[in-house]
Amino acid sequence: MTLRYIPPKKTDLFDIVKIRTELFNQPLPSKGFSEIDALGTILLRGMQANRKKYTKNIIIQFPKIASLFFYLSVLLLKIVKLNNQRS
């Protein structure tokens, strides 16, 4: 499965989950860092073990389990975002 990064629109979720290779070695900041940023960084850290499979391009090969987790996480975050807008 190939996940292609689409440049973000103004309020796109991918604007916050920065799927870039430069995040691979960055420590997780403790302050001023949203849960969505943390999720993106944790996902990227999880990919480090399989780094040989990933290109330095914007196209990233996800193992099936990681891609399932990613899509479920995005869905959950969208639900939370909608919930926050209602209240």
PDB file of N, CA and C in Angstrom:
ATOM      1  N   MET A   1       0.846  -1.185   0.000  1.00  0.00           N
ATOM      2  CA  MET A   1       0.000   0.000   0.000  1.00  0.00           C
ATOM      3  C   MET A   1       0.890   1.246   0.000  1.00  0.00           C
ATOM      4  N   THR A   2       0.546   2.206  -0.807  1.00  0.00           N
ATOM      5  CA  THR A   2       1.309   3.453  -0.878  1.00  0.00           C
ATOM      6  C   THR A   2       0.432   4.596  -0.402  1.00  0.00           C
ATOM      7  N   LEU A   3       0.980   5.390   0.519  1.00  0.00           N
ATOM      8  CA  LEU A   3       0.269   6.588   0.966  1.00  0.00           C
ATOM      9  C   LEU A   3       0.964   7.783   0.361  1.00  0.00           C
ATOM     10  N   ARG A   4       0.238   8.555  -0.391  1.00  0.00           N
ATOM     11  CA  ARG A   4       0.826   9.722  -1.039  1.00  0.00           C
ATOM     12  C   ARG A   4       0.453  10.966  -0.245  1.00  0.00           C
ATOM     13  N   TYR A   5       1.467  11.745   0.101  1.00  0.00           N
ATOM     14  CA  TYR A   5       1.227  12.983   0.860  1.00  0.00           C
ATOM     15  C   TYR A   5       0.631  14.020  -0.066  1.00  0.00           C
ATOM     16  N   ILE A   6      -0.495  14.593   0.336  1.00  0.00           N
ATOM     17  CA  ILE A   6      -1.153  15.643  -0.433  1.00  0.00           C
ATOM     18  C   ILE A   6      -0.916  16.958   0.303  1.00  0.00           C
ATOM     19  N   PRO A   7      -0.418  17.980  -0.374  1.00  0.00           N
ATOM     20  CA  PRO A   7      -0.166  19.252   0.307  1.00  0.00           C
ATOM     21  C   PRO A   7      -1.422  19.743   1.019  1.00  0.00           C
ATOM     22  N   PRO A   8      -1.265  20.259   2.235  1.00  0.00           N
ATOM     23  CA  PRO A   8      -2.425  20.619   3.047  1.00  0.00           C
ATOM     24  C   PRO A   8      -3.163  21.847   2.545  1.00  0.00           C
ATOM     25  N   LYS A   9      -4.481  21.844   2.810  1.00  0.00           N
ATOM     26  CA  LYS A   9      -5.264  23.045   2.601  1.00  0.00           C
ATOM     27  C   LYS A   9      -5.185  23.817   3.905  1.00  0.00           C
ATOM     28  N   LYS A  10      -5.909  24.902   4.017  1.00  0.00           N
ATOM     29  CA  LYS A  10      -5.756  25.761   5.203  1.00  0.00           C
ATOM     30  C   LYS A  10      -5.977  25.033   6.526  1.00  0.00           C
ATOM     31  N   THR A  11      -7.027  24.239   6.631  1.00  0.00           N
ATOM     32  CA  THR A  11      -7.320  23.586   7.909  1.00  0.00           C
ATOM     33  C   THR A  11      -7.267  22.066   7.779  1.00  0.00           C
ATOM     34  N   ASP A  12      -6.452  21.564   6.869  1.00  0.00           N
ATOM     35  CA  ASP A  12      -6.353  20.131   6.662  1.00  0.00           C
ATOM     36  C   ASP A  12      -5.618  19.471   7.818  1.00  0.00           C
ATOM     37  N   LEU A  13      -6.035  18.263   8.152  1.00  0.00           N
ATOM     38  CA  LEU A  13      -5.411  17.518   9.247  1.00  0.00           C
ATOM     39  C   LEU A  13      -3.935  17.228   8.946  1.00  0.00           C
ATOM     40  N   PHE A  14      -3.612  17.026   7.677  1.00  0.00           N
ATOM     41  CA  PHE A  14      -2.229  16.724   7.314  1.00  0.00           C
ATOM     42  C   PHE A  14      -1.301  17.913   7.523  1.00  0.00           C
ATOM     43  N   ASP A  15      -1.865  19.108   7.669  1.00  0.00           N
ATOM     44  CA  ASP A  15      -1.051  20.276   7.970  1.00  0.00           C
ATOM     45  C   ASP A  15      -0.396  20.118   9.335  1.00  0.00           C
ATOM     46  N   ILE A  16      -1.081  19.408  10.239  1.00  0.00           N
ATOM     47  CA  ILE A  16      -0.580  19.233  11.596  1.00  0.00           C
ATOM     48  C   ILE A  16       0.236  17.948  11.701  1.00  0.00           C
ATOM     49  N   VAL A  17      -0.242  16.850  11.097  1.00  0.00           N
ATOM     50  CA  VAL A  17       0.523  15.605  11.099  1.00  0.00           C
ATOM     51  C   VAL A  17       1.546  15.719   9.982  1.00  0.00           C
ATOM     52  N   LYS A  18       2.736  16.169  10.324  1.00  0.00           N
ATOM     53  CA  LYS A  18       3.751  16.449   9.310  1.00  0.00           C
ATOM     54  C   LYS A  18       4.484  15.153   8.947  1.00  0.00           C
ATOM     55  N   ILE A  19       4.115  14.580   7.802  1.00  0.00           N
ATOM     56  CA  ILE A  19       4.737  13.329   7.384  1.00  0.00           C
ATOM     57  C   ILE A  19       5.945  13.687   6.530  1.00  0.00           C
ATOM     58  N   ARG A  20       7.052  13.900   7.206  1.00  0.00           N
ATOM     59  CA  ARG A  20       8.287  14.270   6.513  1.00  0.00           C
ATOM     60  C   ARG A  20       9.447  13.520   7.131  1.00  0.00           C
ATOM     61  N   THR A  21      10.435  13.197   6.344  1.00  0.00           N
ATOM     62  CA  THR A  21      11.568  12.429   6.857  1.00  0.00           C
ATOM     63  C   THR A  21      12.387  13.220   7.862  1.00  0.00           C
ATOM     64  N   GLU A  22      12.318  14.544   7.834  1.00  0.00           N
ATOM     65  CA  GLU A  22      13.113  15.335   8.767  1.00  0.00           C
ATOM     66  C   GLU A  22      12.635  15.186  10.203  1.00  0.00           C
ATOM     67  N   LEU A  23      11.421  14.656  10.402  1.00  0.00           N
ATOM     68  CA  LEU A  23      10.912  14.446  11.765  1.00  0.00           C
ATOM     69  C   LEU A  23      11.413  13.144  12.384  1.00  0.00           C
ATOM     70  N   PHE A  24      12.060  12.284  11.569  1.00  0.00           N
ATOM     71  CA  PHE A  24      12.457  10.972  12.071  1.00  0.00           C
ATOM     72  C   PHE A  24      13.295  11.033  13.345  1.00  0.00           C
ATOM     73  N   ASN A  25      14.252  11.951  13.419  1.00  0.00           N
ATOM     74  CA  ASN A  25      15.186  11.956  14.542  1.00  0.00           C
ATOM     75  C   ASN A  25      14.896  13.030  15.574  1.00  0.00           C
ATOM     76  N   GLN A  26      13.782  13.724  15.437  1.00  0.00           N
ATOM     77  CA  GLN A  26      13.491  14.788  16.391  1.00  0.00           C
ATOM     78  C   GLN A  26      12.875  14.227  17.659  1.00  0.00           C
ATOM     79  N   PRO A  27      13.326  14.682  18.828  1.00  0.00           N
ATOM     80  CA  PRO A  27      12.683  14.247  20.074  1.00  0.00           C
ATOM     81  C   PRO A  27      11.274  14.824  20.159  1.00  0.00           C
ATOM     82  N   LEU A  28      10.452  14.204  20.954  1.00  0.00           N
ATOM     83  CA  LEU A  28       9.071  14.661  21.104  1.00  0.00           C
ATOM     84  C   LEU A  28       9.034  15.823  22.086  1.00  0.00           C
ATOM     85  N   PRO A  29       8.721  17.032  21.632  1.00  0.00           N
ATOM     86  CA  PRO A  29       8.678  18.185  22.541  1.00  0.00           C
ATOM     87  C   PRO A  29       7.576  18.000  23.587  1.00  0.00           C
ATOM     88  N   SER A  30       7.803  18.552  24.760  1.00  0.00           N
ATOM     89  CA  SER A  30       6.827  18.360  25.833  1.00  0.00           C
ATOM     90  C   SER A  30       5.832  19.513  25.912  1.00  0.00           C
ATOM     91  N   LYS A  31       6.228  20.720  25.484  1.00  0.00           N
ATOM     92  CA  LYS A  31       5.318  21.866  25.584  1.00  0.00           C
ATOM     93  C   LYS A  31       4.995  22.419  24.192  1.00  0.00           C
ATOM     94  N   GLY A  32       3.793  22.936  24.056  1.00  0.00           N
ATOM     95  CA  GLY A  32       3.387  23.558  22.797  1.00  0.00           C
ATOM     96  C   GLY A  32       3.269  22.558  21.657  1.00  0.00           C
ATOM     97  N   PHE A  33       2.920  21.345  21.984  1.00  0.00           N
ATOM     98  CA  PHE A  33       2.870  20.284  20.981  1.00  0.00           C
ATOM     99  C   PHE A  33       1.523  19.596  21.088  1.00  0.00           C
ATOM    100  N   SER A  34       0.732  19.640  20.040  1.00  0.00           N
ATOM    101  CA  SER A  34      -0.623  19.080  20.115  1.00  0.00           C
ATOM    102  C   SER A  34      -0.598  17.560  20.049  1.00  0.00           C
ATOM    103  N   GLU A  35      -1.721  16.953  20.403  1.00  0.00           N
ATOM    104  CA  GLU A  35      -1.826  15.486  20.354  1.00  0.00           C
ATOM    105  C   GLU A  35      -1.655  14.984  18.925  1.00  0.00           C
ATOM    106  N   ILE A  36      -2.115  15.760  17.961  1.00  0.00           N
ATOM    107  CA  ILE A  36      -2.010  15.327  16.567  1.00  0.00           C
ATOM    108  C   ILE A  36      -0.548  15.343  16.133  1.00  0.00           C
ATOM    109  N   ASP A  37       0.205  16.368  16.549  1.00  0.00           N
ATOM    110  CA  ASP A  37       1.640  16.401  16.263  1.00  0.00           C
ATOM    111  C   ASP A  37       2.323  15.202  16.887  1.00  0.00           C
ATOM    112  N   ALA A  38       1.945  14.903  18.140  1.00  0.00           N
ATOM    113  CA  ALA A  38       2.548  13.775  18.846  1.00  0.00           C
ATOM    114  C   ALA A  38       2.256  12.476  18.101  1.00  0.00           C
ATOM    115  N   LEU A  39       1.027  12.327  17.622  1.00  0.00           N
ATOM    116  CA  LEU A  39       0.648  11.130  16.874  1.00  0.00           C
ATOM    117  C   LEU A  39       1.512  10.989  15.625  1.00  0.00           C
ATOM    118  N   GLY A  40       1.663  12.080  14.886  1.00  0.00           N
ATOM    119  CA  GLY A  40       2.478  12.034  13.674  1.00  0.00           C
ATOM    120  C   GLY A  40       3.912  11.654  13.974  1.00  0.00           C
ATOM    121  N   THR A  41       4.483  12.202  15.043  1.00  0.00           N
ATOM    122  CA  THR A  41       5.869  11.904  15.398  1.00  0.00           C
ATOM    123  C   THR A  41       6.013  10.461  15.849  1.00  0.00           C
ATOM    124  N   ILE A  42       5.041   9.969  16.632  1.00  0.00           N
ATOM    125  CA  ILE A  42       5.099   8.582  17.091  1.00  0.00           C
ATOM    126  C   ILE A  42       5.004   7.628  15.902  1.00  0.00           C
ATOM    127  N   LEU A  43       4.133   7.933  14.948  1.00  0.00           N
ATOM    128  CA  LEU A  43       4.032   7.097  13.753  1.00  0.00           C
ATOM    129  C   LEU A  43       5.347   7.081  12.984  1.00  0.00           C
ATOM    130  N   LEU A  44       5.973   8.240  12.861  1.00  0.00           N
ATOM    131  CA  LEU A  44       7.237   8.305  12.140  1.00  0.00           C
ATOM    132  C   LEU A  44       8.336   7.546  12.875  1.00  0.00           C
ATOM    133  N   ARG A  45       8.341   7.634  14.204  1.00  0.00           N
ATOM    134  CA  ARG A  45       9.315   6.857  14.989  1.00  0.00           C
ATOM    135  C   ARG A  45       9.102   5.372  14.801  1.00  0.00           C
ATOM    136  N   GLY A  46       7.853   4.959  14.728  1.00  0.00           N
ATOM    137  CA  GLY A  46       7.558   3.549  14.520  1.00  0.00           C
ATOM    138  C   GLY A  46       8.046   3.050  13.176  1.00  0.00           C
ATOM    139  N   MET A  47       8.148   3.947  12.218  1.00  0.00           N
ATOM    140  CA  MET A  47       8.618   3.554  10.886  1.00  0.00           C
ATOM    141  C   MET A  47      10.137   3.427  10.822  1.00  0.00           C
ATOM    142  N   GLN A  48      10.840   3.951  11.801  1.00  0.00           N
ATOM    143  CA  GLN A  48      12.297   3.931  11.755  1.00  0.00           C
ATOM    144  C   GLN A  48      12.840   2.520  11.617  1.00  0.00           C
ATOM    145  N   ALA A  49      12.196   1.557  12.251  1.00  0.00           N
ATOM    146  CA  ALA A  49      12.668   0.174  12.196  1.00  0.00           C
ATOM    147  C   ALA A  49      12.665  -0.348  10.767  1.00  0.00           C
ATOM    148  N   ASN A  50      11.766   0.159   9.954  1.00  0.00           N
ATOM    149  CA  ASN A  50      11.660  -0.301   8.563  1.00  0.00           C
ATOM    150  C   ASN A  50      12.101   0.779   7.586  1.00  0.00           C
ATOM    151  N   ARG A  51      13.047   1.598   7.995  1.00  0.00           N
ATOM    152  CA  ARG A  51      13.431   2.761   7.202  1.00  0.00           C
ATOM    153  C   ARG A  51      13.886   2.400   5.789  1.00  0.00           C
ATOM    154  N   LYS A  52      14.504   1.238   5.617  1.00  0.00           N
ATOM    155  CA  LYS A  52      14.990   0.850   4.292  1.00  0.00           C
ATOM    156  C   LYS A  52      13.852   0.771   3.284  1.00  0.00           C
ATOM    157  N   LYS A  53      12.657   0.471   3.772  1.00  0.00           N
ATOM    158  CA  LYS A  53      11.509   0.357   2.872  1.00  0.00           C
ATOM    159  C   LYS A  53      10.993   1.721   2.426  1.00  0.00           C
ATOM    160  N   TYR A  54      11.332   2.764   3.164  1.00  0.00           N
ATOM    161  CA  TYR A  54      10.771   4.080   2.871  1.00  0.00           C
ATOM    162  C   TYR A  54      11.725   4.905   2.022  1.00  0.00           C
ATOM    163  N   THR A  55      11.149   5.676   1.155  1.00  0.00           N
ATOM    164  CA  THR A  55      11.968   6.560   0.340  1.00  0.00           C
ATOM    165  C   THR A  55      12.082   7.892   1.047  1.00  0.00           C
ATOM    166  N   LYS A  56      13.015   8.725   0.606  1.00  0.00           N
ATOM    167  CA  LYS A  56      13.123  10.062   1.176  1.00  0.00           C
ATOM    168  C   LYS A  56      12.183  11.016   0.451  1.00  0.00           C
ATOM    169  N   ASN A  57      11.436  10.466  -0.483  1.00  0.00           N
ATOM    170  CA  ASN A  57      10.440  11.275  -1.180  1.00  0.00           C
ATOM    171  C   ASN A  57       9.224  11.450  -0.294  1.00  0.00           C
ATOM    172  N   ILE A  58       8.178  12.017  -0.851  1.00  0.00           N
ATOM    173  CA  ILE A  58       6.973  12.255  -0.072  1.00  0.00           C
ATOM    174  C   ILE A  58       6.114  10.995  -0.031  1.00  0.00           C
ATOM    175  N   ILE A  59       6.400  10.016  -0.918  1.00  0.00           N
ATOM    176  CA  ILE A  59       5.633   8.775  -0.917  1.00  0.00           C
ATOM    177  C   ILE A  59       6.249   7.836   0.123  1.00  0.00           C
ATOM    178  N   ILE A  60       5.452   7.353   1.051  1.00  0.00           N
ATOM    179  CA  ILE A  60       5.934   6.494   2.130  1.00  0.00           C
ATOM    180  C   ILE A  60       5.192   5.159   2.056  1.00  0.00           C
ATOM    181  N   GLN A  61       5.944   4.063   2.106  1.00  0.00           N
ATOM    182  CA  GLN A  61       5.324   2.735   2.119  1.00  0.00           C
ATOM    183  C   GLN A  61       4.943   2.401   3.554  1.00  0.00           C
ATOM    184  N   PHE A  62       3.675   2.152   3.808  1.00  0.00           N
ATOM    185  CA  PHE A  62       3.215   1.779   5.149  1.00  0.00           C
ATOM    186  C   PHE A  62       2.999   0.271   5.213  1.00  0.00           C
ATOM    187  N   PRO A  63       3.467  -0.373   6.268  1.00  0.00           N
ATOM    188  CA  PRO A  63       3.017  -1.757   6.484  1.00  0.00           C
ATOM    189  C   PRO A  63       1.511  -1.740   6.721  1.00  0.00           C
ATOM    190  N   LYS A  64       0.850  -2.848   6.465  1.00  0.00           N
ATOM    191  CA  LYS A  64      -0.615  -2.870   6.549  1.00  0.00           C
ATOM    192  C   LYS A  64      -1.129  -2.460   7.921  1.00  0.00           C
ATOM    193  N   ILE A  65      -0.506  -2.945   8.986  1.00  0.00           N
ATOM    194  CA  ILE A  65      -0.988  -2.629  10.338  1.00  0.00           C
ATOM    195  C   ILE A  65      -0.802  -1.146  10.635  1.00  0.00           C
ATOM    196  N   ALA A  66       0.348  -0.591  10.261  1.00  0.00           N
ATOM    197  CA  ALA A  66       0.604   0.831  10.523  1.00  0.00           C
ATOM    198  C   ALA A  66      -0.379   1.706   9.757  1.00  0.00           C
ATOM    199  N   SER A  67      -0.677   1.333   8.510  1.00  0.00           N
ATOM    200  CA  SER A  67      -1.612   2.148   7.736  1.00  0.00           C
ATOM    201  C   SER A  67      -3.018   2.077   8.331  1.00  0.00           C
ATOM    202  N   LEU A  68      -3.401   0.897   8.802  1.00  0.00           N
ATOM    203  CA  LEU A  68      -4.704   0.761   9.441  1.00  0.00           C
ATOM    204  C   LEU A  68      -4.767   1.639  10.693  1.00  0.00           C
ATOM    205  N   PHE A  69      -3.708   1.592  11.512  1.00  0.00           N
ATOM    206  CA  PHE A  69      -3.648   2.420  12.721  1.00  0.00           C
ATOM    207  C   PHE A  69      -3.717   3.903  12.364  1.00  0.00           C
ATOM    208  N   PHE A  70      -2.992   4.293  11.318  1.00  0.00           N
ATOM    209  CA  PHE A  70      -2.965   5.693  10.893  1.00  0.00           C
ATOM    210  C   PHE A  70      -4.357   6.174  10.495  1.00  0.00           C
ATOM    211  N   TYR A  71      -5.035   5.406   9.643  1.00  0.00           N
ATOM    212  CA  TYR A  71      -6.356   5.820   9.184  1.00  0.00           C
ATOM    213  C   TYR A  71      -7.371   5.846  10.331  1.00  0.00           C
ATOM    214  N   LEU A  72      -7.287   4.870  11.232  1.00  0.00           N
ATOM    215  CA  LEU A  72      -8.185   4.874  12.385  1.00  0.00           C
ATOM    216  C   LEU A  72      -7.906   6.069  13.288  1.00  0.00           C
ATOM    217  N   SER A  73      -6.631   6.412  13.443  1.00  0.00           N
ATOM    218  CA  SER A  73      -6.262   7.558  14.277  1.00  0.00           C
ATOM    219  C   SER A  73      -6.783   8.857  13.672  1.00  0.00           C
ATOM    220  N   VAL A  74      -6.635   9.002  12.370  1.00  0.00           N
ATOM    221  CA  VAL A  74      -7.129  10.210  11.690  1.00  0.00           C
ATOM    222  C   VAL A  74      -8.644  10.306  11.831  1.00  0.00           C
ATOM    223  N   LEU A  75      -9.311   9.165  11.671  1.00  0.00           N
ATOM    224  CA  LEU A  75     -10.761   9.150  11.825  1.00  0.00           C
ATOM    225  C   LEU A  75     -11.158   9.559  13.239  1.00  0.00           C
ATOM    226  N   LEU A  76     -10.479   9.010  14.232  1.00  0.00           N
ATOM    227  CA  LEU A  76     -10.759   9.350  15.626  1.00  0.00           C
ATOM    228  C   LEU A  76     -10.522  10.839  15.884  1.00  0.00           C
ATOM    229  N   LEU A  77      -9.431  11.372  15.354  1.00  0.00           N
ATOM    230  CA  LEU A  77      -9.124  12.789  15.556  1.00  0.00           C
ATOM    231  C   LEU A  77     -10.164  13.691  14.878  1.00  0.00           C
ATOM    232  N   LYS A  78     -10.664  13.269  13.722  1.00  0.00           N
ATOM    233  CA  LYS A  78     -11.711  14.053  13.060  1.00  0.00           C
ATOM    234  C   LYS A  78     -12.996  14.045  13.884  1.00  0.00           C
ATOM    235  N   ILE A  79     -13.305  12.893  14.488  1.00  0.00           N
ATOM    236  CA  ILE A  79     -14.494  12.804  15.344  1.00  0.00           C
ATOM    237  C   ILE A  79     -14.342  13.722  16.550  1.00  0.00           C
ATOM    238  N   VAL A  80     -13.150  13.695  17.159  1.00  0.00           N
ATOM    239  CA  VAL A  80     -12.888  14.566  18.315  1.00  0.00           C
ATOM    240  C   VAL A  80     -12.998  16.026  17.917  1.00  0.00           C
ATOM    241  N   LYS A  81     -12.463  16.365  16.732  1.00  0.00           N
ATOM    242  CA  LYS A  81     -12.510  17.747  16.254  1.00  0.00           C
ATOM    243  C   LYS A  81     -13.968  18.196  16.050  1.00  0.00           C
ATOM    244  N   LEU A  82     -14.779  17.327  15.452  1.00  0.00           N
ATOM    245  CA  LEU A  82     -16.190  17.653  15.254  1.00  0.00           C
ATOM    246  C   LEU A  82     -16.907  17.800  16.594  1.00  0.00           C
ATOM    247  N   ASN A  83     -16.572  16.945  17.535  1.00  0.00           N
ATOM    248  CA  ASN A  83     -17.166  17.014  18.865  1.00  0.00           C
ATOM    249  C   ASN A  83     -16.832  18.337  19.544  1.00  0.00           C
ATOM    250  N   ASN A  84     -15.580  18.774  19.406  1.00  0.00           N
ATOM    251  CA  ASN A  84     -15.155  20.041  20.014  1.00  0.00           C
ATOM    252  C   ASN A  84     -15.841  21.236  19.362  1.00  0.00           C
ATOM    253  N   GLN A  85     -16.115  21.143  18.077  1.00  0.00           N
ATOM    254  CA  GLN A  85     -16.782  22.247  17.383  1.00  0.00           C
ATOM    255  C   GLN A  85     -18.231  22.389  17.841  1.00  0.00           C
ATOM    256  N   ARG A  86     -18.853  21.268  18.175  1.00  0.00           N
ATOM    257  CA  ARG A  86     -20.247  21.303  18.607  1.00  0.00           C
ATOM    258  C   ARG A  86     -20.400  21.932  19.983  1.00  0.00           C
ATOM    259  N   SER A  87     -19.396  21.701  20.843  1.00  0.00           N
ATOM    260  CA  SER A  87     -19.544  22.234  22.205  1.00  0.00           C
ATOM    261  C   SER A  87     -18.990  23.619  22.361  1.00  0.00           C
TER     262      SER A  87
END
